[in-house]
Amino acid sequence: MRIIAGKYRSRVLKRAGKLRLRPTSDRLRETLFNVLGALVEESLFVDLFAGTGAIGIEALSRGAREAIFIESHAAGVRLIRQNLESLGIRDGAEVIEADAVRGLENLSARRLAADFVFLDPPYENGDDYVRVLDFLDASHLIAPRGLVIVEHRNSMELPERFDRLECSRILEQGDAALSFYRLAAAA
């Protein structure tokens, strides 16, 4: 696994080893950041179910002002910290060891507004998708023009609309898909 572009381009990240993680493929990560483009610069990027931290680190490499990694497994948290350390990233990165919703509650209590929230729970944990999207829909964590990006199996159907969030785009690649949600009022 390597960083695709930006400040840390071509740098290799430590892999999950014995951890049961399904990191986002380099190809899908490249597609995601090609879609986001320059909007990543100076953004607040939240990486939920962060695993190795590859998505948030890619955002930092491409100029995000800050990346917040939320991961519930202690071994995953250690891996994220090792990857940040190996790249010399000390500023602009925060690692929170918590369940996704608890981590988001932490951010909400701090009145943060994220430009991007990326969530990629284990594919077999279907309830996590709707649980996190419901929380984000009811919270004020998404900046007015912010995006929630969900990686999932392309065979999985997610709700098109919540109270405030609506799916604006679905991108499929292999057996994976990215669904992009934005606030309906910002569309």
C-alpha atoms as a PDB file:
ATOM      1  CA  MET A   1       0.000   0.000   0.000  1.00  0.00           C
ATOM      2  CA  ARG A   2       1.422   3.332  -1.028  1.00  0.00           C
ATOM      3  CA  ILE A   3       0.480   7.000  -1.012  1.00  0.00           C
ATOM      4  CA  ILE A   4      -0.741   7.887  -4.510  1.00  0.00           C
ATOM      5  CA  ALA A   5       0.019  11.618  -4.819  1.00  0.00           C
ATOM      6  CA  GLY A   6       1.041  14.780  -3.020  1.00  0.00           C
ATOM      7  CA  LYS A   7       3.653  15.469  -0.381  1.00  0.00           C
ATOM      8  CA  TYR A   8       4.093  11.798   0.595  1.00  0.00           C
ATOM      9  CA  ARG A   9       3.728  10.367  -2.923  1.00  0.00           C
ATOM     10  CA  SER A  10       5.065   6.832  -3.389  1.00  0.00           C
ATOM     11  CA  ARG A  11       5.772   6.373   0.320  1.00  0.00           C
ATOM     12  CA  VAL A  12       4.789   2.920   1.543  1.00  0.00           C
ATOM     13  CA  LEU A  13       2.438   2.389   4.474  1.00  0.00           C
ATOM     14  CA  LYS A  14       2.661  -0.465   6.951  1.00  0.00           C
ATOM     15  CA  ARG A  15       0.110  -3.165   6.248  1.00  0.00           C
ATOM     16  CA  ALA A  16      -2.396  -4.676   8.598  1.00  0.00           C
ATOM     17  CA  GLY A  17      -0.431  -7.930   9.036  1.00  0.00           C
ATOM     18  CA  LYS A  18      -2.533 -10.284  11.144  1.00  0.00           C
ATOM     19  CA  LEU A  19      -5.273  -7.695  11.641  1.00  0.00           C
ATOM     20  CA  ARG A  20      -8.441  -8.529   9.747  1.00  0.00           C
ATOM     21  CA  LEU A  21      -8.703  -5.297   7.763  1.00  0.00           C
ATOM     22  CA  ARG A  22      -9.816  -4.664   4.203  1.00  0.00           C
ATOM     23  CA  PRO A  23      -7.908  -1.548   3.190  1.00  0.00           C
ATOM     24  CA  THR A  24      -9.274   0.538   0.339  1.00  0.00           C
ATOM     25  CA  SER A  25      -7.370  -0.476  -2.779  1.00  0.00           C
ATOM     26  CA  ASP A  26      -4.802   1.925  -4.241  1.00  0.00           C
ATOM     27  CA  ARG A  27      -6.897   2.115  -7.403  1.00  0.00           C
ATOM     28  CA  LEU A  28     -10.129   3.035  -5.599  1.00  0.00           C
ATOM     29  CA  ARG A  29      -8.256   5.528  -3.400  1.00  0.00           C
ATOM     30  CA  GLU A  30      -6.820   7.156  -6.520  1.00  0.00           C
ATOM     31  CA  THR A  31     -10.294   7.346  -8.092  1.00  0.00           C
ATOM     32  CA  LEU A  32     -11.726   8.896  -4.918  1.00  0.00           C
ATOM     33  CA  PHE A  33      -9.091  11.611  -4.706  1.00  0.00           C
ATOM     34  CA  ASN A  34      -9.275  12.329  -8.433  1.00  0.00           C
ATOM     35  CA  VAL A  35     -12.993  13.033  -7.928  1.00  0.00           C
ATOM     36  CA  LEU A  36     -12.352  15.238  -4.873  1.00  0.00           C
ATOM     37  CA  GLY A  37      -9.465  17.041  -6.560  1.00  0.00           C
ATOM     38  CA  ALA A  38      -8.355  20.395  -5.183  1.00  0.00           C
ATOM     39  CA  LEU A  39     -11.299  20.504  -2.757  1.00  0.00           C
ATOM     40  CA  VAL A  40      -9.168  18.431  -0.368  1.00  0.00           C
ATOM     41  CA  GLU A  41      -6.714  21.305   0.096  1.00  0.00           C
ATOM     42  CA  GLU A  42      -7.189  23.039   3.459  1.00  0.00           C
ATOM     43  CA  SER A  43     -10.070  20.696   4.359  1.00  0.00           C
ATOM     44  CA  LEU A  44     -10.961  18.928   7.583  1.00  0.00           C
ATOM     45  CA  PHE A  45     -11.066  15.237   6.621  1.00  0.00           C
ATOM     46  CA  VAL A  46     -12.516  12.575   8.945  1.00  0.00           C
ATOM     47  CA  ASP A  47     -11.528   8.945   8.301  1.00  0.00           C
ATOM     48  CA  LEU A  48     -13.979   6.580  10.089  1.00  0.00           C
ATOM     49  CA  PHE A  49     -13.178   2.899  10.554  1.00  0.00           C
ATOM     50  CA  ALA A  50      -9.701   4.163   9.662  1.00  0.00           C
ATOM     51  CA  GLY A  51      -7.860   0.812   9.682  1.00  0.00           C
ATOM     52  CA  THR A  52      -4.366   1.604   8.396  1.00  0.00           C
ATOM     53  CA  GLY A  53      -5.121   5.327   8.059  1.00  0.00           C
ATOM     54  CA  ALA A  54      -4.433   5.250   4.308  1.00  0.00           C
ATOM     55  CA  ILE A  55      -7.413   7.431   3.347  1.00  0.00           C
ATOM     56  CA  GLY A  56      -6.731  10.171   5.893  1.00  0.00           C
ATOM     57  CA  ILE A  57      -2.994  10.083   5.182  1.00  0.00           C
ATOM     58  CA  GLU A  58      -3.719  10.434   1.453  1.00  0.00           C
ATOM     59  CA  ALA A  59      -5.863  13.493   2.308  1.00  0.00           C
ATOM     60  CA  LEU A  60      -2.989  15.005   4.314  1.00  0.00           C
ATOM     61  CA  SER A  61      -0.582  14.248   1.481  1.00  0.00           C
ATOM     62  CA  ARG A  62      -2.871  16.169  -0.861  1.00  0.00           C
ATOM     63  CA  GLY A  63      -3.055  19.240   1.343  1.00  0.00           C
ATOM     64  CA  ALA A  64      -5.822  18.651   3.899  1.00  0.00           C
ATOM     65  CA  ARG A  65      -5.403  21.008   6.849  1.00  0.00           C
ATOM     66  CA  GLU A  66      -6.317  18.253   9.289  1.00  0.00           C
ATOM     67  CA  ALA A  67      -7.227  14.575   9.266  1.00  0.00           C
ATOM     68  CA  ILE A  68      -9.008  12.909  12.148  1.00  0.00           C
ATOM     69  CA  PHE A  69      -8.762   9.121  12.285  1.00  0.00           C
ATOM     70  CA  ILE A  70     -11.416   7.222  14.235  1.00  0.00           C
ATOM     71  CA  GLU A  71     -10.730   3.536  14.838  1.00  0.00           C
ATOM     72  CA  SER A  72     -12.149   1.257  17.523  1.00  0.00           C
ATOM     73  CA  HIS A  73      -9.499  -1.490  17.563  1.00  0.00           C
ATOM     74  CA  ALA A  74      -6.360  -0.825  19.600  1.00  0.00           C
ATOM     75  CA  ALA A  75      -4.168  -2.667  17.076  1.00  0.00           C
ATOM     76  CA  GLY A  76      -5.559  -0.490  14.273  1.00  0.00           C
ATOM     77  CA  VAL A  77      -4.887   2.650  16.306  1.00  0.00           C
ATOM     78  CA  ARG A  78      -1.275   1.518  16.806  1.00  0.00           C
ATOM     79  CA  LEU A  79      -0.953   0.881  13.058  1.00  0.00           C
ATOM     80  CA  ILE A  80      -2.280   4.357  12.193  1.00  0.00           C
ATOM     81  CA  ARG A  81       0.136   5.955  14.661  1.00  0.00           C
ATOM     82  CA  GLN A  82       3.036   3.919  13.213  1.00  0.00           C
ATOM     83  CA  ASN A  83       2.137   5.029   9.684  1.00  0.00           C
ATOM     84  CA  LEU A  84       1.901   8.683  10.744  1.00  0.00           C
ATOM     85  CA  GLU A  85       5.227   8.386  12.578  1.00  0.00           C
ATOM     86  CA  SER A  86       6.962   6.683   9.635  1.00  0.00           C
ATOM     87  CA  LEU A  87       5.983   9.638   7.433  1.00  0.00           C
ATOM     88  CA  GLY A  88       6.958  12.215  10.047  1.00  0.00           C
ATOM     89  CA  ILE A  89       3.402  13.540  10.332  1.00  0.00           C
ATOM     90  CA  ARG A  90       3.043  15.277  13.678  1.00  0.00           C
ATOM     91  CA  ASP A  91       0.796  18.246  12.949  1.00  0.00           C
ATOM     92  CA  GLY A  92      -2.698  18.114  11.530  1.00  0.00           C
ATOM     93  CA  ALA A  93      -3.406  14.510  12.498  1.00  0.00           C
ATOM     94  CA  GLU A  94      -5.506  13.288  15.400  1.00  0.00           C
ATOM     95  CA  VAL A  95      -6.212   9.646  16.225  1.00  0.00           C
ATOM     96  CA  ILE A  96      -9.278   8.803  18.294  1.00  0.00           C
ATOM     97  CA  GLU A  97      -9.686   5.278  19.659  1.00  0.00           C
ATOM     98  CA  ALA A  98     -13.459   4.843  19.758  1.00  0.00           C
ATOM     99  CA  ASP A  99     -16.459   3.337  18.058  1.00  0.00           C
ATOM    100  CA  ALA A 100     -17.385   5.445  15.003  1.00  0.00           C
ATOM    101  CA  VAL A 101     -20.462   7.054  16.556  1.00  0.00           C
ATOM    102  CA  ARG A 102     -18.688   7.749  19.869  1.00  0.00           C
ATOM    103  CA  GLY A 103     -15.826   9.336  17.961  1.00  0.00           C
ATOM    104  CA  LEU A 104     -18.293  11.471  15.994  1.00  0.00           C
ATOM    105  CA  GLU A 105     -19.998  12.480  19.249  1.00  0.00           C
ATOM    106  CA  ASN A 106     -16.578  13.686  20.443  1.00  0.00           C
ATOM    107  CA  LEU A 107     -16.185  15.823  17.299  1.00  0.00           C
ATOM    108  CA  SER A 108     -19.757  17.092  17.564  1.00  0.00           C
ATOM    109  CA  ALA A 109     -19.179  18.197  21.178  1.00  0.00           C
ATOM    110  CA  ARG A 110     -16.214  20.235  19.879  1.00  0.00           C
ATOM    111  CA  ARG A 111     -18.498  21.845  17.272  1.00  0.00           C
ATOM    112  CA  LEU A 112     -16.301  20.805  14.358  1.00  0.00           C
ATOM    113  CA  ALA A 113     -17.599  20.957  10.794  1.00  0.00           C
ATOM    114  CA  ALA A 114     -15.980  18.397   8.489  1.00  0.00           C
ATOM    115  CA  ASP A 115     -15.504  19.034   4.802  1.00  0.00           C
ATOM    116  CA  PHE A 116     -15.224  15.277   4.178  1.00  0.00           C
ATOM    117  CA  VAL A 117     -16.241  12.249   6.194  1.00  0.00           C
ATOM    118  CA  PHE A 118     -15.123   8.926   4.742  1.00  0.00           C
ATOM    119  CA  LEU A 119     -16.618   5.768   6.167  1.00  0.00           C
ATOM    120  CA  ASP A 120     -15.640   2.252   5.321  1.00  0.00           C
ATOM    121  CA  PRO A 121     -16.912  -0.252   7.893  1.00  0.00           C
ATOM    122  CA  PRO A 122     -16.324  -3.952   7.358  1.00  0.00           C
ATOM    123  CA  TYR A 123     -18.619  -4.953   4.490  1.00  0.00           C
ATOM    124  CA  GLU A 124     -20.298  -7.610   6.629  1.00  0.00           C
ATOM    125  CA  ASN A 125     -21.329  -5.012   9.260  1.00  0.00           C
ATOM    126  CA  GLY A 126     -24.279  -3.624   7.311  1.00  0.00           C
ATOM    127  CA  ASP A 127     -25.854  -2.019  10.383  1.00  0.00           C
ATOM    128  CA  ASP A 128     -22.816   0.241  10.841  1.00  0.00           C
ATOM    129  CA  TYR A 129     -23.498   1.994   7.543  1.00  0.00           C
ATOM    130  CA  VAL A 130     -27.001   3.175   8.416  1.00  0.00           C
ATOM    131  CA  ARG A 131     -26.136   3.785  12.094  1.00  0.00           C
ATOM    132  CA  VAL A 132     -23.321   6.189  11.165  1.00  0.00           C
ATOM    133  CA  LEU A 133     -25.260   7.832   8.325  1.00  0.00           C
ATOM    134  CA  ASP A 134     -28.226   8.369  10.676  1.00  0.00           C
ATOM    135  CA  PHE A 135     -25.920  10.034  13.209  1.00  0.00           C
ATOM    136  CA  LEU A 136     -24.310  12.265  10.572  1.00  0.00           C
ATOM    137  CA  ASP A 137     -27.723  13.165   9.179  1.00  0.00           C
ATOM    138  CA  ALA A 138     -28.924  14.357  12.602  1.00  0.00           C
ATOM    139  CA  SER A 139     -25.676  16.085  13.593  1.00  0.00           C
ATOM    140  CA  HIS A 140     -24.159  19.352  12.481  1.00  0.00           C
ATOM    141  CA  LEU A 141     -20.777  17.798  11.722  1.00  0.00           C
ATOM    142  CA  ILE A 142     -20.972  18.211   7.956  1.00  0.00           C
ATOM    143  CA  ALA A 143     -19.893  21.596   6.588  1.00  0.00           C
ATOM    144  CA  PRO A 144     -22.503  23.257   4.323  1.00  0.00           C
ATOM    145  CA  ARG A 145     -20.766  22.040   1.164  1.00  0.00           C
ATOM    146  CA  GLY A 146     -19.265  18.955   2.799  1.00  0.00           C
ATOM    147  CA  LEU A 147     -19.424  15.387   1.568  1.00  0.00           C
ATOM    148  CA  VAL A 148     -19.918  12.044   3.254  1.00  0.00           C
ATOM    149  CA  ILE A 149     -18.287   9.308   1.195  1.00  0.00           C
ATOM    150  CA  VAL A 150     -19.214   5.695   1.870  1.00  0.00           C
ATOM    151  CA  GLU A 151     -17.227   2.733   0.561  1.00  0.00           C
ATOM    152  CA  HIS A 152     -19.330  -0.415   0.268  1.00  0.00           C
ATOM    153  CA  ARG A 153     -19.906  -3.518  -1.835  1.00  0.00           C
ATOM    154  CA  ASN A 154     -21.426  -2.506  -5.153  1.00  0.00           C
ATOM    155  CA  SER A 155     -24.216  -5.025  -4.518  1.00  0.00           C
ATOM    156  CA  MET A 156     -25.219  -3.210  -1.306  1.00  0.00           C
ATOM    157  CA  GLU A 157     -28.022  -0.686  -1.602  1.00  0.00           C
ATOM    158  CA  LEU A 158     -27.834   2.231   0.776  1.00  0.00           C
ATOM    159  CA  PRO A 159     -30.722   4.660   1.340  1.00  0.00           C
ATOM    160  CA  GLU A 160     -30.841   7.401  -1.288  1.00  0.00           C
ATOM    161  CA  ARG A 161     -32.066   9.986   1.170  1.00  0.00           C
ATOM    162  CA  PHE A 162     -32.123  10.696   4.878  1.00  0.00           C
ATOM    163  CA  ASP A 163     -33.719  13.771   6.457  1.00  0.00           C
ATOM    164  CA  ARG A 164     -30.844  16.070   5.503  1.00  0.00           C
ATOM    165  CA  LEU A 165     -28.382  13.896   3.580  1.00  0.00           C
ATOM    166  CA  GLU A 166     -28.991  12.722   0.044  1.00  0.00           C
ATOM    167  CA  CYS A 167     -26.937  10.547  -2.276  1.00  0.00           C
ATOM    168  CA  SER A 168     -25.657  12.660  -5.147  1.00  0.00           C
ATOM    169  CA  ARG A 169     -23.407  10.127  -6.890  1.00  0.00           C
ATOM    170  CA  ILE A 170     -22.425   6.464  -6.887  1.00  0.00           C
ATOM    171  CA  LEU A 171     -19.130   5.375  -8.409  1.00  0.00           C
ATOM    172  CA  GLU A 172     -18.516   1.650  -8.936  1.00  0.00           C
ATOM    173  CA  GLN A 173     -15.127   0.016  -9.378  1.00  0.00           C
ATOM    174  CA  GLY A 174     -14.787  -3.763  -9.353  1.00  0.00           C
ATOM    175  CA  ASP A 175     -16.787  -5.173  -6.453  1.00  0.00           C
ATOM    176  CA  ALA A 176     -16.608  -1.889  -4.519  1.00  0.00           C
ATOM    177  CA  ALA A 177     -18.606   1.314  -4.775  1.00  0.00           C
ATOM    178  CA  LEU A 178     -18.363   4.829  -3.393  1.00  0.00           C
ATOM    179  CA  SER A 179     -21.595   6.629  -2.535  1.00  0.00           C
ATOM    180  CA  PHE A 180     -21.358  10.395  -2.127  1.00  0.00           C
ATOM    181  CA  TYR A 181     -23.819  12.136   0.194  1.00  0.00           C
ATOM    182  CA  ARG A 182     -24.295  15.873   0.629  1.00  0.00           C
ATOM    183  CA  LEU A 183     -26.654  18.031   2.614  1.00  0.00           C
ATOM    184  CA  ALA A 184     -29.831  18.478   0.588  1.00  0.00           C
ATOM    185  CA  ALA A 185     -29.867  22.239   1.293  1.00  0.00           C
ATOM    186  CA  ALA A 186     -26.362  22.568  -0.188  1.00  0.00           C
ATOM    187  CA  ALA A 187     -27.207  20.799  -3.435  1.00  0.00           C
END
